[in-house]
Amino acid sequence: QVQLVESGGGLVQAGGSLRLSCAASGGTFGSYGMGWFRQAPGKEREFVAGIYWSGRGTYYADSVKGRFTISRDNAKNTVYLQMNSLKPEDTAVYYCAAQYVSGVYYYAQARKYDYWGQGTQVTVSS
């Protein structure tokens, strides 16, 4: 079992920045693709960013491309999401997720992820 704990959420003004962290425990972190998803009130959970187990492949939703950066530190079992130029529409609960990858990494498909964190709230005021 892999446990994921997110941190770093909060309230920020539009144009500001936040850095989310997701600490993993209980598994072989380097075997997992890691993703960030978000869910706003009344909306479905959506893909934000993903990173391959080696860190060499990174993937982003069009809505955050150029503003958000995903990274990972396998030595610390931690994945990060640096969010810059935040907009009110980025307001959501952000979830970290882990997908065991033995072949293809389905980075955008929530149903392919095996473990999820509890989420952290990000609120961007206008």
Foldseek 3Di string as FASTA:
>chain_A
DKAKAKDWADEEAAQAKIKMKIAIDDDQLLQKKKFKWWDDPPGDIWGAKIAHSVRPDIDGDPVQPPFWDWGDDSVRRMIMIIGGRDDQVVWTWMKMFIARDPDDDPHTDPVRTDDIYPTDTHGYHD
